[in-house]
Amino acid sequence: MSIEFYGIPNCDTVKKARVWLDAQGIAYTFHDYKKEGADPARLAKWVEQAGWEKVLNRAGTTFKKLPESDKQDLDAAKAVALMTANPSCIKRPVVEYPGGLLIGFKEADWAAALG
């Protein structure tokens, strides 16, 4: 199984998810947003699959510090542009696996999808 794991290494949720994958013996390729940036085409694909409301992390500090004008009238295109410019605004982690997409870390969901 080929798994692509997207996140930020120092994020606590990303750390928990990586520990879980390692404990399950599931290999993955890690994509660090801080070093590698966020691909707008990939973000658009995730938004199409899961909805921008699920992919955009509106609870995080980065989003909260954005100017009000950036946070108003959000739609899919504006959300993708915000996440491309501010990768910390992407909910973490995001995992692409054959047949699906996981956003955030919920152990039961991950076990069902990857187990």
PDB file of N, CA and C in Angstrom:
ATOM      1  N   MET A   1       0.852  -1.178   0.000  1.00  0.00           N
ATOM      2  CA  MET A   1       0.000   0.000   0.000  1.00  0.00           C
ATOM      3  C   MET A   1       0.898   1.242   0.000  1.00  0.00           C
ATOM      4  N   SER A   2       0.613   2.162  -0.893  1.00  0.00           N
ATOM      5  CA  SER A   2       1.375   3.405  -0.986  1.00  0.00           C
ATOM      6  C   SER A   2       0.606   4.524  -0.297  1.00  0.00           C
ATOM      7  N   ILE A   3       1.213   5.099   0.739  1.00  0.00           N
ATOM      8  CA  ILE A   3       0.554   6.143   1.514  1.00  0.00           C
ATOM      9  C   ILE A   3       1.388   7.410   1.454  1.00  0.00           C
ATOM     10  N   GLU A   4       0.713   8.510   1.155  1.00  0.00           N
ATOM     11  CA  GLU A   4       1.342   9.827   1.162  1.00  0.00           C
ATOM     12  C   GLU A   4       0.792  10.571   2.379  1.00  0.00           C
ATOM     13  N   PHE A   5       1.669  11.025   3.240  1.00  0.00           N
ATOM     14  CA  PHE A   5       1.313  11.667   4.501  1.00  0.00           C
ATOM     15  C   PHE A   5       1.741  13.133   4.429  1.00  0.00           C
ATOM     16  N   TYR A   6       0.800  14.055   4.620  1.00  0.00           N
ATOM     17  CA  TYR A   6       1.067  15.485   4.517  1.00  0.00           C
ATOM     18  C   TYR A   6       0.856  16.154   5.866  1.00  0.00           C
ATOM     19  N   GLY A   7       1.825  16.979   6.269  1.00  0.00           N
ATOM     20  CA  GLY A   7       1.683  17.666   7.536  1.00  0.00           C
ATOM     21  C   GLY A   7       2.889  18.508   7.877  1.00  0.00           C
ATOM     22  N   ILE A   8       2.983  18.845   9.153  1.00  0.00           N
ATOM     23  CA  ILE A   8       4.071  19.636   9.700  1.00  0.00           C
ATOM     24  C   ILE A   8       4.660  18.824  10.848  1.00  0.00           C
ATOM     25  N   PRO A   9       5.970  18.560  10.826  1.00  0.00           N
ATOM     26  CA  PRO A   9       6.570  17.637  11.791  1.00  0.00           C
ATOM     27  C   PRO A   9       6.334  17.967  13.263  1.00  0.00           C
ATOM     28  N   ASN A  10       6.283  19.258  13.622  1.00  0.00           N
ATOM     29  CA  ASN A  10       6.154  19.589  15.042  1.00  0.00           C
ATOM     30  C   ASN A  10       4.711  19.661  15.532  1.00  0.00           C
ATOM     31  N   CYS A  11       3.750  19.380  14.672  1.00  0.00           N
ATOM     32  CA  CYS A  11       2.329  19.368  15.052  1.00  0.00           C
ATOM     33  C   CYS A  11       2.052  18.125  15.911  1.00  0.00           C
ATOM     34  N   ASP A  12       1.409  18.317  17.060  1.00  0.00           N
ATOM     35  CA  ASP A  12       1.138  17.198  17.972  1.00  0.00           C
ATOM     36  C   ASP A  12       0.268  16.126  17.323  1.00  0.00           C
ATOM     37  N   THR A  13      -0.729  16.527  16.546  1.00  0.00           N
ATOM     38  CA  THR A  13      -1.605  15.546  15.891  1.00  0.00           C
ATOM     39  C   THR A  13      -0.837  14.751  14.845  1.00  0.00           C
ATOM     40  N   VAL A  14       0.037  15.426  14.123  1.00  0.00           N
ATOM     41  CA  VAL A  14       0.881  14.737  13.133  1.00  0.00           C
ATOM     42  C   VAL A  14       1.782  13.734  13.842  1.00  0.00           C
ATOM     43  N   LYS A  15       2.353  14.128  14.967  1.00  0.00           N
ATOM     44  CA  LYS A  15       3.220  13.221  15.727  1.00  0.00           C
ATOM     45  C   LYS A  15       2.449  11.970  16.161  1.00  0.00           C
ATOM     46  N   LYS A  16       1.234  12.162  16.688  1.00  0.00           N
ATOM     47  CA  LYS A  16       0.408  11.022  17.118  1.00  0.00           C
ATOM     48  C   LYS A  16       0.102  10.097  15.949  1.00  0.00           C
ATOM     49  N   ALA A  17      -0.242  10.682  14.813  1.00  0.00           N
ATOM     50  CA  ALA A  17      -0.581   9.881  13.638  1.00  0.00           C
ATOM     51  C   ALA A  17       0.629   9.100  13.129  1.00  0.00           C
ATOM     52  N   ARG A  18       1.798   9.721  13.149  1.00  0.00           N
ATOM     53  CA  ARG A  18       3.012   9.030  12.694  1.00  0.00           C
ATOM     54  C   ARG A  18       3.364   7.873  13.630  1.00  0.00           C
ATOM     55  N   VAL A  19       3.207   8.087  14.936  1.00  0.00           N
ATOM     56  CA  VAL A  19       3.457   7.014  15.907  1.00  0.00           C
ATOM     57  C   VAL A  19       2.490   5.863  15.642  1.00  0.00           C
ATOM     58  N   TRP A  20       1.218   6.183  15.367  1.00  0.00           N
ATOM     59  CA  TRP A  20       0.226   5.143  15.102  1.00  0.00           C
ATOM     60  C   TRP A  20       0.596   4.356  13.845  1.00  0.00           C
ATOM     61  N   LEU A  21       0.950   5.050  12.763  1.00  0.00           N
ATOM     62  CA  LEU A  21       1.342   4.363  11.526  1.00  0.00           C
ATOM     63  C   LEU A  21       2.550   3.459  11.763  1.00  0.00           C
ATOM     64  N   ASP A  22       3.546   3.971  12.484  1.00  0.00           N
ATOM     65  CA  ASP A  22       4.746   3.177  12.776  1.00  0.00           C
ATOM     66  C   ASP A  22       4.390   1.932  13.592  1.00  0.00           C
ATOM     67  N   ALA A  23       3.503   2.081  14.570  1.00  0.00           N
ATOM     68  CA  ALA A  23       3.092   0.956  15.415  1.00  0.00           C
ATOM     69  C   ALA A  23       2.347  -0.099  14.612  1.00  0.00           C
ATOM     70  N   GLN A  24       1.644   0.339  13.558  1.00  0.00           N
ATOM     71  CA  GLN A  24       0.909  -0.600  12.706  1.00  0.00           C
ATOM     72  C   GLN A  24       1.809  -1.211  11.624  1.00  0.00           C
ATOM     73  N   GLY A  25       3.028  -0.718  11.523  1.00  0.00           N
ATOM     74  CA  GLY A  25       3.946  -1.188  10.496  1.00  0.00           C
ATOM     75  C   GLY A  25       3.561  -0.713   9.100  1.00  0.00           C
ATOM     76  N   ILE A  26       2.922   0.438   9.012  1.00  0.00           N
ATOM     77  CA  ILE A  26       2.478   0.977   7.721  1.00  0.00           C
ATOM     78  C   ILE A  26       3.502   2.005   7.240  1.00  0.00           C
ATOM     79  N   ALA A  27       4.088   1.728   6.094  1.00  0.00           N
ATOM     80  CA  ALA A  27       5.082   2.636   5.517  1.00  0.00           C
ATOM     81  C   ALA A  27       4.379   3.804   4.835  1.00  0.00           C
ATOM     82  N   TYR A  28       5.019   4.949   4.840  1.00  0.00           N
ATOM     83  CA  TYR A  28       4.443   6.139   4.219  1.00  0.00           C
ATOM     84  C   TYR A  28       5.549   7.082   3.783  1.00  0.00           C
ATOM     85  N   THR A  29       5.209   7.965   2.879  1.00  0.00           N
ATOM     86  CA  THR A  29       6.103   9.034   2.462  1.00  0.00           C
ATOM     87  C   THR A  29       5.592  10.313   3.112  1.00  0.00           C
ATOM     88  N   PHE A  30       6.477  11.034   3.802  1.00  0.00           N
ATOM     89  CA  PHE A  30       6.072  12.237   4.517  1.00  0.00           C
ATOM     90  C   PHE A  30       6.365  13.479   3.681  1.00  0.00           C
ATOM     91  N   HIS A  31       5.368  14.340   3.539  1.00  0.00           N
ATOM     92  CA  HIS A  31       5.493  15.609   2.825  1.00  0.00           C
ATOM     93  C   HIS A  31       5.354  16.730   3.857  1.00  0.00           C
ATOM     94  N   ASP A  32       6.433  17.473   4.053  1.00  0.00           N
ATOM     95  CA  ASP A  32       6.483  18.554   5.041  1.00  0.00           C
ATOM     96  C   ASP A  32       6.085  19.869   4.367  1.00  0.00           C
ATOM     97  N   TYR A  33       4.918  20.408   4.747  1.00  0.00           N
ATOM     98  CA  TYR A  33       4.443  21.666   4.168  1.00  0.00           C
ATOM     99  C   TYR A  33       5.425  22.810   4.382  1.00  0.00           C
ATOM    100  N   LYS A  34       6.077  22.833   5.532  1.00  0.00           N
ATOM    101  CA  LYS A  34       6.982  23.936   5.851  1.00  0.00           C
ATOM    102  C   LYS A  34       8.173  23.969   4.894  1.00  0.00           C
ATOM    103  N   LYS A  35       8.657  22.800   4.509  1.00  0.00           N
ATOM    104  CA  LYS A  35       9.821  22.724   3.621  1.00  0.00           C
ATOM    105  C   LYS A  35       9.429  22.637   2.148  1.00  0.00           C
ATOM    106  N   GLU A  36       8.349  21.924   1.850  1.00  0.00           N
ATOM    107  CA  GLU A  36       8.005  21.628   0.464  1.00  0.00           C
ATOM    108  C   GLU A  36       6.818  22.430  -0.070  1.00  0.00           C
ATOM    109  N   GLY A  37       6.143  23.176   0.800  1.00  0.00           N
ATOM    110  CA  GLY A  37       4.999  23.954   0.360  1.00  0.00           C
ATOM    111  C   GLY A  37       3.779  23.080   0.102  1.00  0.00           C
ATOM    112  N   ALA A  38       2.737  23.729  -0.387  1.00  0.00           N
ATOM    113  CA  ALA A  38       1.471  23.038  -0.653  1.00  0.00           C
ATOM    114  C   ALA A  38       1.119  23.219  -2.127  1.00  0.00           C
ATOM    115  N   ASP A  39       0.859  22.131  -2.796  1.00  0.00           N
ATOM    116  CA  ASP A  39       0.536  22.146  -4.218  1.00  0.00           C
ATOM    117  C   ASP A  39      -0.937  22.523  -4.420  1.00  0.00           C
ATOM    118  N   PRO A  40      -1.207  23.640  -5.121  1.00  0.00           N
ATOM    119  CA  PRO A  40      -2.604  24.065  -5.294  1.00  0.00           C
ATOM    120  C   PRO A  40      -3.469  23.037  -6.015  1.00  0.00           C
ATOM    121  N   ALA A  41      -2.905  22.303  -6.962  1.00  0.00           N
ATOM    122  CA  ALA A  41      -3.690  21.287  -7.681  1.00  0.00           C
ATOM    123  C   ALA A  41      -4.089  20.150  -6.738  1.00  0.00           C
ATOM    124  N   ARG A  42      -3.171  19.760  -5.875  1.00  0.00           N
ATOM    125  CA  ARG A  42      -3.476  18.699  -4.901  1.00  0.00           C
ATOM    126  C   ARG A  42      -4.515  19.202  -3.899  1.00  0.00           C
ATOM    127  N   LEU A  43      -4.355  20.426  -3.416  1.00  0.00           N
ATOM    128  CA  LEU A  43      -5.335  21.010  -2.490  1.00  0.00           C
ATOM    129  C   LEU A  43      -6.719  21.057  -3.135  1.00  0.00           C
ATOM    130  N   ALA A  44      -6.776  21.455  -4.402  1.00  0.00           N
ATOM    131  CA  ALA A  44      -8.063  21.512  -5.113  1.00  0.00           C
ATOM    132  C   ALA A  44      -8.695  20.124  -5.196  1.00  0.00           C
ATOM    133  N   LYS A  45      -7.870  19.105  -5.402  1.00  0.00           N
ATOM    134  CA  LYS A  45      -8.372  17.727  -5.453  1.00  0.00           C
ATOM    135  C   LYS A  45      -8.949  17.314  -4.095  1.00  0.00           C
ATOM    136  N   TRP A  46      -8.241  17.650  -3.024  1.00  0.00           N
ATOM    137  CA  TRP A  46      -8.736  17.321  -1.679  1.00  0.00           C
ATOM    138  C   TRP A  46     -10.040  18.035  -1.393  1.00  0.00           C
ATOM    139  N   VAL A  47     -10.112  19.302  -1.779  1.00  0.00           N
ATOM    140  CA  VAL A  47     -11.319  20.093  -1.560  1.00  0.00           C
ATOM    141  C   VAL A  47     -12.486  19.490  -2.348  1.00  0.00           C
ATOM    142  N   GLU A  48     -12.190  19.022  -3.546  1.00  0.00           N
ATOM    143  CA  GLU A  48     -13.225  18.374  -4.361  1.00  0.00           C
ATOM    144  C   GLU A  48     -13.714  17.085  -3.700  1.00  0.00           C
ATOM    145  N   GLN A  49     -12.794  16.329  -3.120  1.00  0.00           N
ATOM    146  CA  GLN A  49     -13.140  15.056  -2.484  1.00  0.00           C
ATOM    147  C   GLN A  49     -13.847  15.240  -1.143  1.00  0.00           C
ATOM    148  N   ALA A  50     -13.332  16.158  -0.318  1.00  0.00           N
ATOM    149  CA  ALA A  50     -13.796  16.236   1.073  1.00  0.00           C
ATOM    150  C   ALA A  50     -14.544  17.528   1.410  1.00  0.00           C
ATOM    151  N   GLY A  51     -14.436  18.539   0.563  1.00  0.00           N
ATOM    152  CA  GLY A  51     -15.043  19.837   0.858  1.00  0.00           C
ATOM    153  C   GLY A  51     -14.038  20.761   1.524  1.00  0.00           C
ATOM    154  N   TRP A  52     -14.043  22.023   1.134  1.00  0.00           N
ATOM    155  CA  TRP A  52     -13.063  22.964   1.699  1.00  0.00           C
ATOM    156  C   TRP A  52     -13.253  23.139   3.197  1.00  0.00           C
ATOM    157  N   GLU A  53     -14.479  22.969   3.669  1.00  0.00           N
ATOM    158  CA  GLU A  53     -14.759  23.145   5.093  1.00  0.00           C
ATOM    159  C   GLU A  53     -13.996  22.146   5.955  1.00  0.00           C
ATOM    160  N   LYS A  54     -13.736  20.962   5.392  1.00  0.00           N
ATOM    161  CA  LYS A  54     -13.018  19.923   6.138  1.00  0.00           C
ATOM    162  C   LYS A  54     -11.500  20.079   5.998  1.00  0.00           C
ATOM    163  N   VAL A  55     -11.048  20.559   4.851  1.00  0.00           N
ATOM    164  CA  VAL A  55      -9.610  20.660   4.593  1.00  0.00           C
ATOM    165  C   VAL A  55      -9.002  21.910   5.234  1.00  0.00           C
ATOM    166  N   LEU A  56      -9.746  22.998   5.264  1.00  0.00           N
ATOM    167  CA  LEU A  56      -9.254  24.248   5.828  1.00  0.00           C
ATOM    168  C   LEU A  56      -9.354  24.222   7.352  1.00  0.00           C
ATOM    169  N   ASN A  57      -8.243  24.477   8.015  1.00  0.00           N
ATOM    170  CA  ASN A  57      -8.194  24.493   9.476  1.00  0.00           C
ATOM    171  C   ASN A  57      -8.507  25.905   9.972  1.00  0.00           C
ATOM    172  N   ARG A  58      -9.774  26.139  10.263  1.00  0.00           N
ATOM    173  CA  ARG A  58     -10.189  27.469  10.721  1.00  0.00           C
ATOM    174  C   ARG A  58      -9.992  27.655  12.220  1.00  0.00           C
ATOM    175  N   ALA A  59      -9.640  26.583  12.939  1.00  0.00           N
ATOM    176  CA  ALA A  59      -9.450  26.667  14.386  1.00  0.00           C
ATOM    177  C   ALA A  59      -8.018  27.038  14.768  1.00  0.00           C
ATOM    178  N   GLY A  60      -7.113  26.991  13.802  1.00  0.00           N
ATOM    179  CA  GLY A  60      -5.699  27.222  14.098  1.00  0.00           C
ATOM    180  C   GLY A  60      -5.325  28.682  14.217  1.00  0.00           C
ATOM    181  N   THR A  61      -4.181  28.916  14.850  1.00  0.00           N
ATOM    182  CA  THR A  61      -3.665  30.257  15.070  1.00  0.00           C
ATOM    183  C   THR A  61      -3.407  30.984  13.754  1.00  0.00           C
ATOM    184  N   THR A  62      -2.845  30.293  12.784  1.00  0.00           N
ATOM    185  CA  THR A  62      -2.520  30.933  11.505  1.00  0.00           C
ATOM    186  C   THR A  62      -3.766  31.516  10.867  1.00  0.00           C
ATOM    187  N   PHE A  63      -4.843  30.731  10.813  1.00  0.00           N
ATOM    188  CA  PHE A  63      -6.084  31.221  10.204  1.00  0.00           C
ATOM    189  C   PHE A  63      -6.635  32.406  11.002  1.00  0.00           C
ATOM    190  N   LYS A  64      -6.623  32.291  12.313  1.00  0.00           N
ATOM    191  CA  LYS A  64      -7.179  33.350  13.155  1.00  0.00           C
ATOM    192  C   LYS A  64      -6.438  34.672  13.008  1.00  0.00           C
ATOM    193  N   LYS A  65      -5.143  34.610  12.658  1.00  0.00           N
ATOM    194  CA  LYS A  65      -4.335  35.821  12.504  1.00  0.00           C
ATOM    195  C   LYS A  65      -4.468  36.453  11.119  1.00  0.00           C
ATOM    196  N   LEU A  66      -5.137  35.779  10.201  1.00  0.00           N
ATOM    197  CA  LEU A  66      -5.304  36.340   8.858  1.00  0.00           C
ATOM    198  C   LEU A  66      -6.192  37.585   8.911  1.00  0.00           C
ATOM    199  N   PRO A  67      -6.000  38.502   7.958  1.00  0.00           N
ATOM    200  CA  PRO A  67      -6.889  39.666   7.897  1.00  0.00           C
ATOM    201  C   PRO A  67      -8.342  39.224   7.699  1.00  0.00           C
ATOM    202  N   GLU A  68      -9.267  39.968   8.275  1.00  0.00           N
ATOM    203  CA  GLU A  68     -10.689  39.631   8.157  1.00  0.00           C
ATOM    204  C   GLU A  68     -11.118  39.483   6.697  1.00  0.00           C
ATOM    205  N   SER A  69     -10.554  40.298   5.825  1.00  0.00           N
ATOM    206  CA  SER A  69     -10.929  40.237   4.402  1.00  0.00           C
ATOM    207  C   SER A  69     -10.599  38.871   3.796  1.00  0.00           C
ATOM    208  N   ASP A  70      -9.537  38.222   4.274  1.00  0.00           N
ATOM    209  CA  ASP A  70      -9.171  36.889   3.777  1.00  0.00           C
ATOM    210  C   ASP A  70     -10.138  35.820   4.271  1.00  0.00           C
ATOM    211  N   LYS A  71     -10.755  36.068   5.425  1.00  0.00           N
ATOM    212  CA  LYS A  71     -11.627  35.061   6.039  1.00  0.00           C
ATOM    213  C   LYS A  71     -13.094  35.198   5.631  1.00  0.00           C
ATOM    214  N   GLN A  72     -13.447  36.293   4.978  1.00  0.00           N
ATOM    215  CA  GLN A  72     -14.835  36.525   4.587  1.00  0.00           C
ATOM    216  C   GLN A  72     -15.127  35.928   3.215  1.00  0.00           C
ATOM    217  N   ASP A  73     -16.373  35.566   3.006  1.00  0.00           N
ATOM    218  CA  ASP A  73     -16.846  35.053   1.708  1.00  0.00           C
ATOM    219  C   ASP A  73     -16.012  33.872   1.210  1.00  0.00           C
ATOM    220  N   LEU A  74     -15.712  32.955   2.115  1.00  0.00           N
ATOM    221  CA  LEU A  74     -14.914  31.789   1.725  1.00  0.00           C
ATOM    222  C   LEU A  74     -15.709  30.873   0.797  1.00  0.00           C
ATOM    223  N   ASP A  75     -15.009  30.356  -0.183  1.00  0.00           N
ATOM    224  CA  ASP A  75     -15.535  29.308  -1.056  1.00  0.00           C
ATOM    225  C   ASP A  75     -14.353  28.401  -1.380  1.00  0.00           C
ATOM    226  N   ALA A  76     -14.558  27.415  -2.215  1.00  0.00           N
ATOM    227  CA  ALA A  76     -13.506  26.441  -2.509  1.00  0.00           C
ATOM    228  C   ALA A  76     -12.258  27.112  -3.088  1.00  0.00           C
ATOM    229  N   ALA A  77     -12.432  27.987  -4.060  1.00  0.00           N
ATOM    230  CA  ALA A  77     -11.286  28.625  -4.714  1.00  0.00           C
ATOM    231  C   ALA A  77     -10.502  29.507  -3.737  1.00  0.00           C
ATOM    232  N   LYS A  78     -11.220  30.268  -2.930  1.00  0.00           N
ATOM    233  CA  LYS A  78     -10.554  31.148  -1.968  1.00  0.00           C
ATOM    234  C   LYS A  78      -9.853  30.321  -0.886  1.00  0.00           C
ATOM    235  N   ALA A  79     -10.478  29.226  -0.458  1.00  0.00           N
ATOM    236  CA  ALA A  79      -9.861  28.356   0.543  1.00  0.00           C
ATOM    237  C   ALA A  79      -8.563  27.740   0.009  1.00  0.00           C
ATOM    238  N   VAL A  80      -8.576  27.285  -1.240  1.00  0.00           N
ATOM    239  CA  VAL A  80      -7.368  26.708  -1.848  1.00  0.00           C
ATOM    240  C   VAL A  80      -6.268  27.762  -1.919  1.00  0.00           C
ATOM    241  N   ALA A  81      -6.618  28.981  -2.304  1.00  0.00           N
ATOM    242  CA  ALA A  81      -5.627  30.061  -2.383  1.00  0.00           C
ATOM    243  C   ALA A  81      -5.043  30.366  -1.003  1.00  0.00           C
ATOM    244  N   LEU A  82      -5.902  30.411   0.019  1.00  0.00           N
ATOM    245  CA  LEU A  82      -5.431  30.657   1.389  1.00  0.00           C
ATOM    246  C   LEU A  82      -4.486  29.555   1.859  1.00  0.00           C
ATOM    247  N   MET A  83      -4.847  28.300   1.611  1.00  0.00           N
ATOM    248  CA  MET A  83      -4.028  27.171   2.062  1.00  0.00           C
ATOM    249  C   MET A  83      -2.708  27.091   1.296  1.00  0.00           C
ATOM    250  N   THR A  84      -2.727  27.484   0.026  1.00  0.00           N
ATOM    251  CA  THR A  84      -1.492  27.495  -0.757  1.00  0.00           C
ATOM    252  C   THR A  84      -0.533  28.538  -0.196  1.00  0.00           C
ATOM    253  N   ALA A  85      -1.053  29.710   0.112  1.00  0.00           N
ATOM    254  CA  ALA A  85      -0.231  30.794   0.645  1.00  0.00           C
ATOM    255  C   ALA A  85       0.155  30.563   2.108  1.00  0.00           C
ATOM    256  N   ASN A  86      -0.691  29.844   2.834  1.00  0.00           N
ATOM    257  CA  ASN A  86      -0.481  29.604   4.277  1.00  0.00           C
ATOM    258  C   ASN A  86      -0.689  28.126   4.581  1.00  0.00           C
ATOM    259  N   PRO A  87       0.309  27.269   4.293  1.00  0.00           N
ATOM    260  CA  PRO A  87       0.124  25.823   4.493  1.00  0.00           C
ATOM    261  C   PRO A  87      -0.277  25.430   5.909  1.00  0.00           C
ATOM    262  N   SER A  88       0.003  26.271   6.896  1.00  0.00           N
ATOM    263  CA  SER A  88      -0.412  25.964   8.266  1.00  0.00           C
ATOM    264  C   SER A  88      -1.924  26.018   8.420  1.00  0.00           C
ATOM    265  N   CYS A  89      -2.625  26.533   7.412  1.00  0.00           N
ATOM    266  CA  CYS A  89      -4.091  26.580   7.434  1.00  0.00           C
ATOM    267  C   CYS A  89      -4.721  25.281   6.927  1.00  0.00           C
ATOM    268  N   ILE A  90      -3.891  24.319   6.558  1.00  0.00           N
ATOM    269  CA  ILE A  90      -4.408  23.026   6.103  1.00  0.00           C
ATOM    270  C   ILE A  90      -4.581  22.140   7.334  1.00  0.00           C
ATOM    271  N   LYS A  91      -5.755  21.527   7.461  1.00  0.00           N
ATOM    272  CA  LYS A  91      -6.000  20.604   8.578  1.00  0.00           C
ATOM    273  C   LYS A  91      -4.952  19.494   8.507  1.00  0.00           C
ATOM    274  N   ARG A  92      -4.467  19.076   9.656  1.00  0.00           N
ATOM    275  CA  ARG A  92      -3.401  18.083   9.680  1.00  0.00           C
ATOM    276  C   ARG A  92      -3.778  16.881  10.526  1.00  0.00           C
ATOM    277  N   PRO A  93      -3.226  15.754  10.133  1.00  0.00           N
ATOM    278  CA  PRO A  93      -2.551  15.479   8.871  1.00  0.00           C
ATOM    279  C   PRO A  93      -3.562  15.175   7.765  1.00  0.00           C
ATOM    280  N   VAL A  94      -3.051  15.099   6.550  1.00  0.00           N
ATOM    281  CA  VAL A  94      -3.835  14.603   5.420  1.00  0.00           C
ATOM    282  C   VAL A  94      -3.091  13.393   4.887  1.00  0.00           C
ATOM    283  N   VAL A  95      -3.812  12.303   4.690  1.00  0.00           N
ATOM    284  CA  VAL A  95      -3.210  11.078   4.171  1.00  0.00           C
ATOM    285  C   VAL A  95      -3.965  10.638   2.924  1.00  0.00           C
ATOM    286  N   GLU A  96      -3.210  10.468   1.852  1.00  0.00           N
ATOM    287  CA  GLU A  96      -3.754   9.883   0.621  1.00  0.00           C
ATOM    288  C   GLU A  96      -3.364   8.410   0.629  1.00  0.00           C
ATOM    289  N   TYR A  97      -4.340   7.554   0.447  1.00  0.00           N
ATOM    290  CA  TYR A  97      -4.067   6.122   0.383  1.00  0.00           C
ATOM    291  C   TYR A  97      -4.894   5.551  -0.766  1.00  0.00           C
ATOM    292  N   PRO A  98      -4.521   4.376  -1.270  1.00  0.00           N
ATOM    293  CA  PRO A  98      -5.284   3.814  -2.385  1.00  0.00           C
ATOM    294  C   PRO A  98      -6.774   3.723  -2.041  1.00  0.00           C
ATOM    295  N   GLY A  99      -7.572   4.464  -2.765  1.00  0.00           N
ATOM    296  CA  GLY A  99      -9.009   4.412  -2.556  1.00  0.00           C
ATOM    297  C   GLY A  99      -9.567   5.449  -1.612  1.00  0.00           C
ATOM    298  N   GLY A 100      -8.725   6.351  -1.080  1.00  0.00           N
ATOM    299  CA  GLY A 100      -9.312   7.308  -0.163  1.00  0.00           C
ATOM    300  C   GLY A 100      -8.405   8.409   0.321  1.00  0.00           C
ATOM    301  N   LEU A 101      -8.979   9.179   1.241  1.00  0.00           N
ATOM    302  CA  LEU A 101      -8.330  10.352   1.810  1.00  0.00           C
ATOM    303  C   LEU A 101      -8.733  10.454   3.281  1.00  0.00           C
ATOM    304  N   LEU A 102      -7.758  10.643   4.146  1.00  0.00           N
ATOM    305  CA  LEU A 102      -8.024  10.863   5.569  1.00  0.00           C
ATOM    306  C   LEU A 102      -7.574  12.272   5.924  1.00  0.00           C
ATOM    307  N   ILE A 103      -8.425  13.007   6.641  1.00  0.00           N
ATOM    308  CA  ILE A 103      -8.093  14.363   7.069  1.00  0.00           C
ATOM    309  C   ILE A 103      -8.263  14.435   8.576  1.00  0.00           C
ATOM    310  N   GLY A 104      -7.192  14.836   9.258  1.00  0.00           N
ATOM    311  CA  GLY A 104      -7.186  14.817  10.711  1.00  0.00           C
ATOM    312  C   GLY A 104      -6.879  13.394  11.178  1.00  0.00           C
ATOM    313  N   PHE A 105      -6.684  13.236  12.473  1.00  0.00           N
ATOM    314  CA  PHE A 105      -6.364  11.905  12.991  1.00  0.00           C
ATOM    315  C   PHE A 105      -7.418  11.448  13.988  1.00  0.00           C
ATOM    316  N   LYS A 106      -8.170  10.452  13.567  1.00  0.00           N
ATOM    317  CA  LYS A 106      -9.091   9.742  14.456  1.00  0.00           C
ATOM    318  C   LYS A 106      -8.725   8.271  14.312  1.00  0.00           C
ATOM    319  N   GLU A 107      -8.217   7.695  15.381  1.00  0.00           N
ATOM    320  CA  GLU A 107      -7.659   6.344  15.316  1.00  0.00           C
ATOM    321  C   GLU A 107      -8.641   5.328  14.730  1.00  0.00           C
ATOM    322  N   ALA A 108      -9.909   5.381  15.111  1.00  0.00           N
ATOM    323  CA  ALA A 108     -10.893   4.411  14.596  1.00  0.00           C
ATOM    324  C   ALA A 108     -11.054   4.543  13.084  1.00  0.00           C
ATOM    325  N   ASP A 109     -11.097   5.777  12.590  1.00  0.00           N
ATOM    326  CA  ASP A 109     -11.224   6.004  11.144  1.00  0.00           C
ATOM    327  C   ASP A 109      -9.997   5.482  10.400  1.00  0.00           C
ATOM    328  N   TRP A 110      -8.833   5.739  10.974  1.00  0.00           N
ATOM    329  CA  TRP A 110      -7.599   5.292  10.345  1.00  0.00           C
ATOM    330  C   TRP A 110      -7.511   3.761  10.346  1.00  0.00           C
ATOM    331  N   ALA A 111      -7.885   3.148  11.445  1.00  0.00           N
ATOM    332  CA  ALA A 111      -7.837   1.680  11.527  1.00  0.00           C
ATOM    333  C   ALA A 111      -8.787   1.068  10.500  1.00  0.00           C
ATOM    334  N   ALA A 112      -9.973   1.663  10.341  1.00  0.00           N
ATOM    335  CA  ALA A 112     -10.948   1.139   9.365  1.00  0.00           C
ATOM    336  C   ALA A 112     -10.417   1.303   7.935  1.00  0.00           C
ATOM    337  N   ALA A 113      -9.781   2.424   7.659  1.00  0.00           N
ATOM    338  CA  ALA A 113      -9.320   2.704   6.307  1.00  0.00           C
ATOM    339  C   ALA A 113      -8.010   1.978   5.967  1.00  0.00           C
ATOM    340  N   LEU A 114      -7.124   1.875   6.926  1.00  0.00           N
ATOM    341  CA  LEU A 114      -5.782   1.364   6.647  1.00  0.00           C
ATOM    342  C   LEU A 114      -5.503  -0.007   7.245  1.00  0.00           C
ATOM    343  N   GLY A 115      -6.434  -0.507   8.075  1.00  0.00           N
ATOM    344  CA  GLY A 115      -6.197  -1.751   8.805  1.00  0.00           C
ATOM    345  C   GLY A 115      -6.209  -2.988   8.025  1.00  0.00           C
TER     346      GLY A 115
END
